[in-house]
């Protein structure tokens, strides 16, 4: 006997196209102020990203992962969260962290090599960003499982890239989430490359969204450069999680316009033609076209926002660079409640070494 046990579909969502036109039937109900907020944070994200890239080139910041091109995926998704919801970001999520309430000066401090930059304020429900690819996925599901046990009506959002979807951490996390019906939203920012490895070489699956099916929950692919579509899909997933209906995988089909990090050279594995085609889909430019056509904002107002966000970023840079120097002894001080002898000896050696290099034998 042969029969079909099940059939599955993977929906695709786009609300705002490259010309700045919307599908009126799918367009969420936004006030003018809400759209302006979206735009302002997207511009702030891009401005901060541009400045941080320059700071790294000037030797004022360490290795940095540019976010240009992914502003809609970050801002649209995180705006769907409430204050009590939790975010588990990846290292490229500047926009998401800003939306969640993370001070920009702290983000800057972190990328300057100061770990205190990820001392997340108590009123910000966000876990520190993680560099290990997909490492945040099990942690996010664990937090979601804990919320369910405590009967907390919240959602947990876990942000990761397409490269992370090839890691065992993601599959293990997704399996737990499905089995335990955890209130978690897996947000995959598919920017087409895991460093230099193209999406086509990572998986034979037609979409990343369809991977959710194997774990017993829905997956949807959205135009990741369409902030309205990202918000709509993320909000539905977040509300589904809060209602006790389990996890969702939202795949944002987007593009990393810059290098993977400041130590990468994307021109070695991507053509100029490919990048040019994606530049036409720029999420910020797309939203600007919509706002002008719908009389939401004028070109003059956009220039004013660009200037004010640059001032805001420059102020944050000054604050980050004027922060008290971090005590190198902290790497020993916070490892154990009581410092073991082997760490004490290493700490004492560091003190002697610092004395030597400063001429204080």
C-alpha atoms as a PDB file:
ATOM      1  CA  UNK A   1       0.000   0.000   0.000  1.00  0.00           C
ATOM      2  CA  UNK A   2       1.194   3.511  -0.783  1.00  0.00           C
ATOM      3  CA  UNK A   3      -0.361   6.716   0.503  1.00  0.00           C
ATOM      4  CA  UNK A   4       0.515  10.348   1.159  1.00  0.00           C
ATOM      5  CA  UNK A   5       0.926  10.963   4.867  1.00  0.00           C
ATOM      6  CA  UNK A   6       1.187  14.733   4.727  1.00  0.00           C
ATOM      7  CA  UNK A   7       1.793  17.714   2.472  1.00  0.00           C
ATOM      8  CA  UNK A   8       3.415  20.971   3.439  1.00  0.00           C
ATOM      9  CA  UNK A   9       3.626  24.488   2.083  1.00  0.00           C
ATOM     10  CA  UNK A  10       6.146  27.245   2.740  1.00  0.00           C
ATOM     11  CA  UNK A  11       4.518  30.670   2.349  1.00  0.00           C
ATOM     12  CA  UNK A  12       6.406  33.727   1.091  1.00  0.00           C
ATOM     13  CA  UNK A  13       5.472  37.239   2.177  1.00  0.00           C
ATOM     14  CA  UNK A  14       6.235  40.607   0.599  1.00  0.00           C
ATOM     15  CA  UNK A  15       4.285  43.785   1.376  1.00  0.00           C
ATOM     16  CA  UNK A  16       6.581  46.554   0.113  1.00  0.00           C
ATOM     17  CA  UNK A  17       8.301  46.064  -3.232  1.00  0.00           C
ATOM     18  CA  UNK A  18      11.491  47.652  -4.591  1.00  0.00           C
ATOM     19  CA  UNK A  19       9.544  50.543  -6.134  1.00  0.00           C
ATOM     20  CA  UNK A  20       8.087  51.533  -2.780  1.00  0.00           C
ATOM     21  CA  UNK A  21       4.645  50.151  -3.622  1.00  0.00           C
ATOM     22  CA  UNK A  22       2.600  48.145  -1.119  1.00  0.00           C
ATOM     23  CA  UNK A  23       0.059  45.373  -1.328  1.00  0.00           C
ATOM     24  CA  UNK A  24      -2.861  47.107   0.379  1.00  0.00           C
ATOM     25  CA  UNK A  25      -4.433  43.796   1.427  1.00  0.00           C
ATOM     26  CA  UNK A  26      -1.311  42.708   3.287  1.00  0.00           C
ATOM     27  CA  UNK A  27      -0.187  46.077   4.637  1.00  0.00           C
ATOM     28  CA  UNK A  28      -0.337  46.176   8.466  1.00  0.00           C
ATOM     29  CA  UNK A  29      -2.116  49.110  10.061  1.00  0.00           C
ATOM     30  CA  UNK A  30       0.571  51.632  10.949  1.00  0.00           C
ATOM     31  CA  UNK A  31       0.269  55.189  12.145  1.00  0.00           C
ATOM     32  CA  UNK A  32       2.443  57.826  10.530  1.00  0.00           C
ATOM     33  CA  UNK A  33       4.492  58.029  13.736  1.00  0.00           C
ATOM     34  CA  UNK A  34       5.072  54.253  13.728  1.00  0.00           C
ATOM     35  CA  UNK A  35       6.425  54.317  10.190  1.00  0.00           C
ATOM     36  CA  UNK A  36       8.622  57.295  11.014  1.00  0.00           C
ATOM     37  CA  UNK A  37      10.016  55.403  14.024  1.00  0.00           C
ATOM     38  CA  UNK A  38      10.834  52.443  11.803  1.00  0.00           C
ATOM     39  CA  UNK A  39      12.661  54.705   9.408  1.00  0.00           C
ATOM     40  CA  UNK A  40      14.530  56.606  12.123  1.00  0.00           C
ATOM     41  CA  UNK A  41      15.871  53.427  13.709  1.00  0.00           C
ATOM     42  CA  UNK A  42      16.843  51.983  10.325  1.00  0.00           C
ATOM     43  CA  UNK A  43      18.759  55.175   9.541  1.00  0.00           C
ATOM     44  CA  UNK A  44      20.332  55.161  13.002  1.00  0.00           C
ATOM     45  CA  UNK A  45      21.381  51.548  12.453  1.00  0.00           C
ATOM     46  CA  UNK A  46      22.956  52.335   9.096  1.00  0.00           C
ATOM     47  CA  UNK A  47      24.666  55.471  10.405  1.00  0.00           C
ATOM     48  CA  UNK A  48      26.095  53.619  13.407  1.00  0.00           C
ATOM     49  CA  UNK A  49      27.205  50.836  11.101  1.00  0.00           C
ATOM     50  CA  UNK A  50      29.012  53.271   8.787  1.00  0.00           C
ATOM     51  CA  UNK A  51      30.727  55.020  11.701  1.00  0.00           C
ATOM     52  CA  UNK A  52      31.783  51.763  13.355  1.00  0.00           C
ATOM     53  CA  UNK A  53      33.296  50.558  10.104  1.00  0.00           C
ATOM     54  CA  UNK A  54      35.341  53.778   9.883  1.00  0.00           C
ATOM     55  CA  UNK A  55      36.401  53.471  13.518  1.00  0.00           C
ATOM     56  CA  UNK A  56      37.731  49.995  12.836  1.00  0.00           C
ATOM     57  CA  UNK A  57      39.696  51.227   9.819  1.00  0.00           C
ATOM     58  CA  UNK A  58      41.178  53.957  12.023  1.00  0.00           C
ATOM     59  CA  UNK A  59      42.283  51.434  14.632  1.00  0.00           C
ATOM     60  CA  UNK A  60      39.764  52.683  17.196  1.00  0.00           C
ATOM     61  CA  UNK A  61      37.689  49.483  17.181  1.00  0.00           C
ATOM     62  CA  UNK A  62      38.322  45.764  16.836  1.00  0.00           C
ATOM     63  CA  UNK A  63      36.959  43.336  14.272  1.00  0.00           C
ATOM     64  CA  UNK A  64      33.462  44.366  13.276  1.00  0.00           C
ATOM     65  CA  UNK A  65      30.634  42.684  11.333  1.00  0.00           C
ATOM     66  CA  UNK A  66      28.834  45.250   9.109  1.00  0.00           C
ATOM     67  CA  UNK A  67      25.028  45.187   9.077  1.00  0.00           C
ATOM     68  CA  UNK A  68      24.388  47.271   5.951  1.00  0.00           C
ATOM     69  CA  UNK A  69      21.487  45.795   3.979  1.00  0.00           C
ATOM     70  CA  UNK A  70      19.920  43.954   6.906  1.00  0.00           C
ATOM     71  CA  UNK A  71      18.302  46.926   8.659  1.00  0.00           C
ATOM     72  CA  UNK A  72      14.726  45.915   7.744  1.00  0.00           C
ATOM     73  CA  UNK A  73      15.219  42.359   8.994  1.00  0.00           C
ATOM     74  CA  UNK A  74      16.532  43.585  12.331  1.00  0.00           C
ATOM     75  CA  UNK A  75      14.250  46.530  12.971  1.00  0.00           C
ATOM     76  CA  UNK A  76      11.038  44.997  11.606  1.00  0.00           C
ATOM     77  CA  UNK A  77      11.422  41.820  13.641  1.00  0.00           C
ATOM     78  CA  UNK A  78      12.381  43.383  16.968  1.00  0.00           C
ATOM     79  CA  UNK A  79       9.614  45.987  16.819  1.00  0.00           C
ATOM     80  CA  UNK A  80       7.202  43.063  17.075  1.00  0.00           C
ATOM     81  CA  UNK A  81       8.473  42.354  20.604  1.00  0.00           C
ATOM     82  CA  UNK A  82       7.179  43.841  23.824  1.00  0.00           C
ATOM     83  CA  UNK A  83       9.381  45.051  26.650  1.00  0.00           C
ATOM     84  CA  UNK A  84       8.890  41.829  28.612  1.00  0.00           C
ATOM     85  CA  UNK A  85       9.848  39.631  25.652  1.00  0.00           C
ATOM     86  CA  UNK A  86      13.430  38.438  25.353  1.00  0.00           C
ATOM     87  CA  UNK A  87      15.917  38.833  22.520  1.00  0.00           C
ATOM     88  CA  UNK A  88      18.908  36.583  21.870  1.00  0.00           C
ATOM     89  CA  UNK A  89      20.867  38.524  19.238  1.00  0.00           C
ATOM     90  CA  UNK A  90      23.718  37.602  16.954  1.00  0.00           C
ATOM     91  CA  UNK A  91      26.858  39.717  16.608  1.00  0.00           C
ATOM     92  CA  UNK A  92      25.527  41.680  13.584  1.00  0.00           C
ATOM     93  CA  UNK A  93      22.263  42.778  15.240  1.00  0.00           C
ATOM     94  CA  UNK A  94      22.899  46.471  15.885  1.00  0.00           C
ATOM     95  CA  UNK A  95      19.377  47.483  14.883  1.00  0.00           C
ATOM     96  CA  UNK A  96      17.771  44.783  17.016  1.00  0.00           C
ATOM     97  CA  UNK A  97      19.803  45.763  20.063  1.00  0.00           C
ATOM     98  CA  UNK A  98      18.934  49.442  19.639  1.00  0.00           C
ATOM     99  CA  UNK A  99      15.215  48.647  19.353  1.00  0.00           C
ATOM    100  CA  UNK A 100      15.367  46.491  22.496  1.00  0.00           C
ATOM    101  CA  UNK A 101      16.815  49.414  24.434  1.00  0.00           C
ATOM    102  CA  UNK A 102      20.530  48.663  24.496  1.00  0.00           C
ATOM    103  CA  UNK A 103      22.472  51.957  24.747  1.00  0.00           C
ATOM    104  CA  UNK A 104      24.520  52.567  21.614  1.00  0.00           C
ATOM    105  CA  UNK A 105      27.514  53.636  23.716  1.00  0.00           C
ATOM    106  CA  UNK A 106      27.600  50.170  25.331  1.00  0.00           C
ATOM    107  CA  UNK A 107      27.430  48.476  21.936  1.00  0.00           C
ATOM    108  CA  UNK A 108      30.362  50.606  20.816  1.00  0.00           C
ATOM    109  CA  UNK A 109      32.321  49.751  23.950  1.00  0.00           C
ATOM    110  CA  UNK A 110      31.826  46.063  23.321  1.00  0.00           C
ATOM    111  CA  UNK A 111      33.171  46.247  19.781  1.00  0.00           C
ATOM    112  CA  UNK A 112      36.098  48.278  21.096  1.00  0.00           C
ATOM    113  CA  UNK A 113      37.085  45.190  23.055  1.00  0.00           C
ATOM    114  CA  UNK A 114      35.529  46.178  26.374  1.00  0.00           C
ATOM    115  CA  UNK A 115      33.404  43.263  27.607  1.00  0.00           C
ATOM    116  CA  UNK A 116      31.577  45.601  29.963  1.00  0.00           C
ATOM    117  CA  UNK A 117      29.761  46.804  26.877  1.00  0.00           C
ATOM    118  CA  UNK A 118      27.637  43.660  27.108  1.00  0.00           C
ATOM    119  CA  UNK A 119      26.667  44.237  30.720  1.00  0.00           C
ATOM    120  CA  UNK A 120      23.046  44.528  29.645  1.00  0.00           C
ATOM    121  CA  UNK A 121      20.996  46.978  31.764  1.00  0.00           C
ATOM    122  CA  UNK A 122      18.475  45.259  34.024  1.00  0.00           C
ATOM    123  CA  UNK A 123      15.527  46.911  32.289  1.00  0.00           C
ATOM    124  CA  UNK A 124      16.580  45.522  28.890  1.00  0.00           C
ATOM    125  CA  UNK A 125      15.390  41.955  28.266  1.00  0.00           C
ATOM    126  CA  UNK A 126      18.262  40.921  26.044  1.00  0.00           C
ATOM    127  CA  UNK A 127      21.027  38.375  26.460  1.00  0.00           C
ATOM    128  CA  UNK A 128      24.571  39.447  25.579  1.00  0.00           C
ATOM    129  CA  UNK A 129      25.469  39.049  21.929  1.00  0.00           C
ATOM    130  CA  UNK A 130      27.351  35.899  21.065  1.00  0.00           C
ATOM    131  CA  UNK A 131      30.177  35.348  18.588  1.00  0.00           C
ATOM    132  CA  UNK A 132      29.921  31.556  18.445  1.00  0.00           C
ATOM    133  CA  UNK A 133      27.753  30.764  15.407  1.00  0.00           C
ATOM    134  CA  UNK A 134      24.362  29.305  16.493  1.00  0.00           C
ATOM    135  CA  UNK A 135      25.465  29.178  20.121  1.00  0.00           C
ATOM    136  CA  UNK A 136      22.542  31.360  21.170  1.00  0.00           C
ATOM    137  CA  UNK A 137      19.920  28.970  19.772  1.00  0.00           C
ATOM    138  CA  UNK A 138      19.895  26.403  22.633  1.00  0.00           C
ATOM    139  CA  UNK A 139      20.077  29.232  25.181  1.00  0.00           C
ATOM    140  CA  UNK A 140      17.039  30.951  23.672  1.00  0.00           C
ATOM    141  CA  UNK A 141      14.998  27.746  23.672  1.00  0.00           C
ATOM    142  CA  UNK A 142      16.016  27.107  27.268  1.00  0.00           C
ATOM    143  CA  UNK A 143      14.786  30.564  28.245  1.00  0.00           C
ATOM    144  CA  UNK A 144      11.533  29.939  26.372  1.00  0.00           C
ATOM    145  CA  UNK A 145      11.062  26.585  28.103  1.00  0.00           C
ATOM    146  CA  UNK A 146      11.652  28.270  31.462  1.00  0.00           C
ATOM    147  CA  UNK A 147       9.075  30.946  30.614  1.00  0.00           C
ATOM    148  CA  UNK A 148       6.539  28.246  29.811  1.00  0.00           C
ATOM    149  CA  UNK A 149       7.211  26.429  33.085  1.00  0.00           C
ATOM    150  CA  UNK A 150       6.760  29.720  34.968  1.00  0.00           C
ATOM    151  CA  UNK A 151       3.574  30.475  32.983  1.00  0.00           C
ATOM    152  CA  UNK A 152       5.064  33.759  31.808  1.00  0.00           C
ATOM    153  CA  UNK A 153       3.111  34.974  28.783  1.00  0.00           C
ATOM    154  CA  UNK A 154       6.127  36.146  26.849  1.00  0.00           C
ATOM    155  CA  UNK A 155       7.928  35.351  23.633  1.00  0.00           C
ATOM    156  CA  UNK A 156      11.631  34.736  23.080  1.00  0.00           C
ATOM    157  CA  UNK A 157      13.224  35.745  19.780  1.00  0.00           C
ATOM    158  CA  UNK A 158      16.421  34.059  18.635  1.00  0.00           C
ATOM    159  CA  UNK A 159      18.240  35.801  15.789  1.00  0.00           C
ATOM    160  CA  UNK A 160      20.825  33.987  13.670  1.00  0.00           C
ATOM    161  CA  UNK A 161      22.196  33.805  10.123  1.00  0.00           C
ATOM    162  CA  UNK A 162      21.914  31.283   7.307  1.00  0.00           C
ATOM    163  CA  UNK A 163      25.283  29.827   8.286  1.00  0.00           C
ATOM    164  CA  UNK A 164      23.927  29.047  11.746  1.00  0.00           C
ATOM    165  CA  UNK A 165      21.104  27.039  10.165  1.00  0.00           C
ATOM    166  CA  UNK A 166      23.763  24.517   9.125  1.00  0.00           C
ATOM    167  CA  UNK A 167      24.990  24.015  12.700  1.00  0.00           C
ATOM    168  CA  UNK A 168      23.966  21.263  15.072  1.00  0.00           C
ATOM    169  CA  UNK A 169      23.139  23.833  17.759  1.00  0.00           C
ATOM    170  CA  UNK A 170      20.260  25.120  15.621  1.00  0.00           C
ATOM    171  CA  UNK A 171      18.862  21.643  14.905  1.00  0.00           C
ATOM    172  CA  UNK A 172      19.054  20.594  18.536  1.00  0.00           C
ATOM    173  CA  UNK A 173      17.397  23.828  19.622  1.00  0.00           C
ATOM    174  CA  UNK A 174      14.646  23.501  17.011  1.00  0.00           C
ATOM    175  CA  UNK A 175      13.990  19.912  18.041  1.00  0.00           C
ATOM    176  CA  UNK A 176      13.637  20.854  21.717  1.00  0.00           C
ATOM    177  CA  UNK A 177      11.435  23.812  20.802  1.00  0.00           C
ATOM    178  CA  UNK A 178       9.106  21.620  18.772  1.00  0.00           C
ATOM    179  CA  UNK A 179       8.898  18.826  21.321  1.00  0.00           C
ATOM    180  CA  UNK A 180       8.302  21.140  24.281  1.00  0.00           C
ATOM    181  CA  UNK A 181       6.123  23.597  22.381  1.00  0.00           C
ATOM    182  CA  UNK A 182       8.366  26.452  23.495  1.00  0.00           C
ATOM    183  CA  UNK A 183       7.303  30.101  22.959  1.00  0.00           C
ATOM    184  CA  UNK A 184      10.287  30.923  20.763  1.00  0.00           C
ATOM    185  CA  UNK A 185      10.611  32.655  17.402  1.00  0.00           C
ATOM    186  CA  UNK A 186      13.585  31.571  15.309  1.00  0.00           C
ATOM    187  CA  UNK A 187      14.541  34.548  13.142  1.00  0.00           C
ATOM    188  CA  UNK A 188      16.965  33.552  10.399  1.00  0.00           C
ATOM    189  CA  UNK A 189      18.559  36.484   8.586  1.00  0.00           C
ATOM    190  CA  UNK A 190      19.489  34.688   5.391  1.00  0.00           C
ATOM    191  CA  UNK A 191      22.007  37.136   3.916  1.00  0.00           C
ATOM    192  CA  UNK A 192      23.070  34.554   1.291  1.00  0.00           C
ATOM    193  CA  UNK A 193      26.566  33.854   2.631  1.00  0.00           C
ATOM    194  CA  UNK A 194      28.122  32.134   5.646  1.00  0.00           C
ATOM    195  CA  UNK A 195      31.334  34.176   5.330  1.00  0.00           C
ATOM    196  CA  UNK A 196      32.386  33.026   1.825  1.00  0.00           C
ATOM    197  CA  UNK A 197      30.123  29.970   1.580  1.00  0.00           C
ATOM    198  CA  UNK A 198      27.016  30.712  -0.528  1.00  0.00           C
ATOM    199  CA  UNK A 199      23.587  29.611   0.609  1.00  0.00           C
ATOM    200  CA  UNK A 200      23.420  27.044  -2.241  1.00  0.00           C
ATOM    201  CA  UNK A 201      26.446  25.230  -0.813  1.00  0.00           C
ATOM    202  CA  UNK A 202      25.070  25.109   2.716  1.00  0.00           C
ATOM    203  CA  UNK A 203      21.896  23.127   2.144  1.00  0.00           C
ATOM    204  CA  UNK A 204      20.048  21.375  -0.674  1.00  0.00           C
ATOM    205  CA  UNK A 205      16.748  22.597   0.795  1.00  0.00           C
ATOM    206  CA  UNK A 206      14.967  25.142  -1.389  1.00  0.00           C
ATOM    207  CA  UNK A 207      14.365  27.383   1.635  1.00  0.00           C
ATOM    208  CA  UNK A 208      15.579  27.592   5.195  1.00  0.00           C
ATOM    209  CA  UNK A 209      11.998  28.177   6.344  1.00  0.00           C
ATOM    210  CA  UNK A 210      10.978  24.642   5.350  1.00  0.00           C
ATOM    211  CA  UNK A 211      13.364  23.163   7.909  1.00  0.00           C
ATOM    212  CA  UNK A 212      10.812  24.014  10.586  1.00  0.00           C
ATOM    213  CA  UNK A 213       8.449  21.405   9.160  1.00  0.00           C
ATOM    214  CA  UNK A 214      10.680  18.544  10.277  1.00  0.00           C
ATOM    215  CA  UNK A 215      10.434  19.785  13.858  1.00  0.00           C
ATOM    216  CA  UNK A 216       6.661  20.143  13.899  1.00  0.00           C
ATOM    217  CA  UNK A 217       6.132  23.883  13.628  1.00  0.00           C
ATOM    218  CA  UNK A 218       5.536  26.369  10.803  1.00  0.00           C
ATOM    219  CA  UNK A 219       8.122  28.233   8.784  1.00  0.00           C
ATOM    220  CA  UNK A 220       7.674  31.269   6.559  1.00  0.00           C
ATOM    221  CA  UNK A 221      10.015  33.110   4.216  1.00  0.00           C
ATOM    222  CA  UNK A 222       9.678  36.884   3.947  1.00  0.00           C
ATOM    223  CA  UNK A 223      11.326  39.575   1.867  1.00  0.00           C
ATOM    224  CA  UNK A 224      13.962  40.549   4.408  1.00  0.00           C
ATOM    225  CA  UNK A 225      14.441  43.979   2.810  1.00  0.00           C
ATOM    226  CA  UNK A 226      10.760  44.791   3.332  1.00  0.00           C
ATOM    227  CA  UNK A 227      10.371  46.131   6.861  1.00  0.00           C
ATOM    228  CA  UNK A 228       6.566  45.828   6.699  1.00  0.00           C
ATOM    229  CA  UNK A 229       6.633  42.150   5.738  1.00  0.00           C
ATOM    230  CA  UNK A 230       9.243  41.349   8.378  1.00  0.00           C
ATOM    231  CA  UNK A 231       7.169  43.089  11.035  1.00  0.00           C
ATOM    232  CA  UNK A 232       3.946  41.368   9.947  1.00  0.00           C
ATOM    233  CA  UNK A 233       5.463  37.865   9.937  1.00  0.00           C
ATOM    234  CA  UNK A 234       7.359  38.442  13.179  1.00  0.00           C
ATOM    235  CA  UNK A 235       4.298  39.806  14.973  1.00  0.00           C
ATOM    236  CA  UNK A 236       2.236  36.786  13.945  1.00  0.00           C
ATOM    237  CA  UNK A 237       5.003  34.474  15.174  1.00  0.00           C
ATOM    238  CA  UNK A 238       5.399  36.367  18.456  1.00  0.00           C
ATOM    239  CA  UNK A 239       1.648  36.375  19.125  1.00  0.00           C
ATOM    240  CA  UNK A 240       1.508  32.675  18.308  1.00  0.00           C
ATOM    241  CA  UNK A 241       4.266  32.035  20.849  1.00  0.00           C
ATOM    242  CA  UNK A 242       2.549  34.095  23.554  1.00  0.00           C
ATOM    243  CA  UNK A 243      -0.734  32.259  22.927  1.00  0.00           C
ATOM    244  CA  UNK A 244       0.935  28.937  23.727  1.00  0.00           C
ATOM    245  CA  UNK A 245       0.911  27.669  20.142  1.00  0.00           C
ATOM    246  CA  UNK A 246       4.636  26.991  20.018  1.00  0.00           C
ATOM    247  CA  UNK A 247       7.573  28.104  17.885  1.00  0.00           C
ATOM    248  CA  UNK A 248       7.842  29.561  14.387  1.00  0.00           C
ATOM    249  CA  UNK A 249      10.766  29.916  12.010  1.00  0.00           C
ATOM    250  CA  UNK A 250      10.839  33.214  10.101  1.00  0.00           C
ATOM    251  CA  UNK A 251      13.385  33.327   7.285  1.00  0.00           C
ATOM    252  CA  UNK A 252      14.276  36.857   6.210  1.00  0.00           C
ATOM    253  CA  UNK A 253      15.571  36.642   2.647  1.00  0.00           C
ATOM    254  CA  UNK A 254      18.049  39.520   2.643  1.00  0.00           C
ATOM    255  CA  UNK A 255      21.621  40.392   1.682  1.00  0.00           C
ATOM    256  CA  UNK A 256      24.826  41.451   3.372  1.00  0.00           C
ATOM    257  CA  UNK A 257      25.995  44.383   1.252  1.00  0.00           C
ATOM    258  CA  UNK A 258      29.391  44.642   2.885  1.00  0.00           C
ATOM    259  CA  UNK A 259      32.067  42.173   3.930  1.00  0.00           C
ATOM    260  CA  UNK A 260      31.338  39.440   6.446  1.00  0.00           C
ATOM    261  CA  UNK A 261      33.612  41.237   8.901  1.00  0.00           C
ATOM    262  CA  UNK A 262      36.344  43.834   8.627  1.00  0.00           C
ATOM    263  CA  UNK A 263      38.839  40.975   8.209  1.00  0.00           C
ATOM    264  CA  UNK A 264      37.000  39.668   5.129  1.00  0.00           C
ATOM    265  CA  UNK A 265      37.145  40.620   1.440  1.00  0.00           C
ATOM    266  CA  UNK A 266      33.788  39.769  -0.140  1.00  0.00           C
ATOM    267  CA  UNK A 267      35.007  40.725  -3.626  1.00  0.00           C
ATOM    268  CA  UNK A 268      36.931  37.443  -3.694  1.00  0.00           C
ATOM    269  CA  UNK A 269      33.741  35.387  -3.768  1.00  0.00           C
ATOM    270  CA  UNK A 270      30.986  37.767  -4.978  1.00  0.00           C
ATOM    271  CA  UNK A 271      30.669  39.575  -8.285  1.00  0.00           C
ATOM    272  CA  UNK A 272      30.016  43.292  -8.607  1.00  0.00           C
ATOM    273  CA  UNK A 273      26.957  42.496 -10.703  1.00  0.00           C
ATOM    274  CA  UNK A 274      25.445  40.433  -7.899  1.00  0.00           C
ATOM    275  CA  UNK A 275      25.985  43.173  -5.335  1.00  0.00           C
ATOM    276  CA  UNK A 276      24.590  45.800  -7.724  1.00  0.00           C
ATOM    277  CA  UNK A 277      21.361  43.835  -8.156  1.00  0.00           C
ATOM    278  CA  UNK A 278      20.885  43.689  -4.395  1.00  0.00           C
ATOM    279  CA  UNK A 279      21.663  47.384  -3.967  1.00  0.00           C
ATOM    280  CA  UNK A 280      18.506  47.992  -6.021  1.00  0.00           C
ATOM    281  CA  UNK A 281      16.603  46.218  -3.235  1.00  0.00           C
ATOM    282  CA  UNK A 282      18.081  48.414  -0.493  1.00  0.00           C
ATOM    283  CA  UNK A 283      15.683  48.337   2.504  1.00  0.00           C
ATOM    284  CA  UNK A 284      16.247  51.962   3.512  1.00  0.00           C
ATOM    285  CA  UNK A 285      15.824  53.362  -0.013  1.00  0.00           C
ATOM    286  CA  UNK A 286      12.709  51.238  -0.477  1.00  0.00           C
ATOM    287  CA  UNK A 287      11.068  52.662   2.620  1.00  0.00           C
ATOM    288  CA  UNK A 288      12.032  56.194   1.583  1.00  0.00           C
ATOM    289  CA  UNK A 289      10.262  55.751  -1.760  1.00  0.00           C
ATOM    290  CA  UNK A 290       7.130  54.615   0.058  1.00  0.00           C
ATOM    291  CA  UNK A 291       7.177  57.492   2.546  1.00  0.00           C
ATOM    292  CA  UNK A 292       7.587  60.115  -0.164  1.00  0.00           C
ATOM    293  CA  UNK A 293       4.797  58.637  -2.296  1.00  0.00           C
ATOM    294  CA  UNK A 294       2.456  58.393   0.707  1.00  0.00           C
ATOM    295  CA  UNK A 295       3.371  61.828   2.091  1.00  0.00           C
ATOM    296  CA  UNK A 296       4.675  60.346   5.305  1.00  0.00           C
ATOM    297  CA  UNK A 297       7.930  62.304   5.175  1.00  0.00           C
ATOM    298  CA  UNK A 298       9.648  64.813   2.913  1.00  0.00           C
ATOM    299  CA  UNK A 299      13.183  64.714   1.580  1.00  0.00           C
ATOM    300  CA  UNK A 300      14.053  67.655   3.845  1.00  0.00           C
ATOM    301  CA  UNK A 301      12.849  65.751   6.903  1.00  0.00           C
ATOM    302  CA  UNK A 302      14.938  62.739   5.869  1.00  0.00           C
ATOM    303  CA  UNK A 303      18.046  64.922   5.710  1.00  0.00           C
ATOM    304  CA  UNK A 304      17.260  66.267   9.169  1.00  0.00           C
ATOM    305  CA  UNK A 305      16.978  62.726  10.512  1.00  0.00           C
ATOM    306  CA  UNK A 306      20.283  61.800   8.871  1.00  0.00           C
ATOM    307  CA  UNK A 307      21.978  64.748  10.591  1.00  0.00           C
ATOM    308  CA  UNK A 308      20.413  64.098  14.006  1.00  0.00           C
ATOM    309  CA  UNK A 309      21.292  60.387  13.932  1.00  0.00           C
ATOM    310  CA  UNK A 310      24.898  61.209  13.034  1.00  0.00           C
ATOM    311  CA  UNK A 311      25.054  63.534  16.046  1.00  0.00           C
ATOM    312  CA  UNK A 312      23.586  60.786  18.210  1.00  0.00           C
ATOM    313  CA  UNK A 313      26.189  58.281  17.017  1.00  0.00           C
ATOM    314  CA  UNK A 314      29.081  60.719  17.457  1.00  0.00           C
ATOM    315  CA  UNK A 315      27.911  61.423  21.009  1.00  0.00           C
ATOM    316  CA  UNK A 316      27.827  57.682  21.728  1.00  0.00           C
ATOM    317  CA  UNK A 317      31.342  57.297  20.300  1.00  0.00           C
ATOM    318  CA  UNK A 318      32.696  59.983  22.629  1.00  0.00           C
ATOM    319  CA  UNK A 319      30.976  58.343  25.585  1.00  0.00           C
ATOM    320  CA  UNK A 320      32.375  54.917  24.678  1.00  0.00           C
ATOM    321  CA  UNK A 321      35.907  56.187  24.135  1.00  0.00           C
ATOM    322  CA  UNK A 322      35.917  58.152  27.394  1.00  0.00           C
ATOM    323  CA  UNK A 323      34.864  55.145  29.497  1.00  0.00           C
ATOM    324  CA  UNK A 324      37.280  54.187  32.309  1.00  0.00           C
ATOM    325  CA  UNK A 325      39.942  51.723  31.190  1.00  0.00           C
ATOM    326  CA  UNK A 326      39.013  48.134  31.883  1.00  0.00           C
ATOM    327  CA  UNK A 327      41.022  46.384  34.577  1.00  0.00           C
ATOM    328  CA  UNK A 328      42.797  43.415  33.012  1.00  0.00           C
ATOM    329  CA  UNK A 329      42.490  41.642  36.346  1.00  0.00           C
ATOM    330  CA  UNK A 330      38.779  41.195  35.675  1.00  0.00           C
ATOM    331  CA  UNK A 331      39.539  38.166  33.490  1.00  0.00           C
ATOM    332  CA  UNK A 332      40.654  36.384  36.657  1.00  0.00           C
ATOM    333  CA  UNK A 333      38.387  38.075  39.193  1.00  0.00           C
ATOM    334  CA  UNK A 334      35.083  36.881  37.754  1.00  0.00           C
ATOM    335  CA  UNK A 335      35.929  33.285  36.858  1.00  0.00           C
ATOM    336  CA  UNK A 336      35.186  31.730  40.253  1.00  0.00           C
ATOM    337  CA  UNK A 337      33.549  32.780  43.511  1.00  0.00           C
ATOM    338  CA  UNK A 338      36.891  32.016  45.187  1.00  0.00           C
ATOM    339  CA  UNK A 339      39.946  32.363  42.989  1.00  0.00           C
ATOM    340  CA  UNK A 340      41.968  29.113  42.807  1.00  0.00           C
ATOM    341  CA  UNK A 341      45.738  29.235  43.322  1.00  0.00           C
ATOM    342  CA  UNK A 342      46.562  28.650  39.650  1.00  0.00           C
ATOM    343  CA  UNK A 343      44.596  31.751  38.674  1.00  0.00           C
ATOM    344  CA  UNK A 344      46.141  33.723  41.504  1.00  0.00           C
ATOM    345  CA  UNK A 345      49.592  32.938  40.164  1.00  0.00           C
ATOM    346  CA  UNK A 346      48.542  33.981  36.641  1.00  0.00           C
ATOM    347  CA  UNK A 347      47.087  37.221  37.976  1.00  0.00           C
ATOM    348  CA  UNK A 348      50.283  37.945  39.911  1.00  0.00           C
ATOM    349  CA  UNK A 349      52.326  37.301  36.757  1.00  0.00           C
ATOM    350  CA  UNK A 350      50.153  39.754  34.843  1.00  0.00           C
ATOM    351  CA  UNK A 351      50.760  42.397  37.490  1.00  0.00           C
ATOM    352  CA  UNK A 352      54.507  41.882  37.248  1.00  0.00           C
ATOM    353  CA  UNK A 353      54.337  41.958  33.436  1.00  0.00           C
ATOM    354  CA  UNK A 354      52.396  45.217  33.463  1.00  0.00           C
ATOM    355  CA  UNK A 355      54.993  46.654  35.820  1.00  0.00           C
ATOM    356  CA  UNK A 356      57.789  45.591  33.453  1.00  0.00           C
ATOM    357  CA  UNK A 357      56.290  47.192  30.349  1.00  0.00           C
ATOM    358  CA  UNK A 358      55.617  50.426  32.259  1.00  0.00           C
ATOM    359  CA  UNK A 359      59.143  50.558  33.678  1.00  0.00           C
ATOM    360  CA  UNK A 360      57.997  49.809  37.199  1.00  0.00           C
ATOM    361  CA  UNK A 361      60.033  46.754  38.108  1.00  0.00           C
END
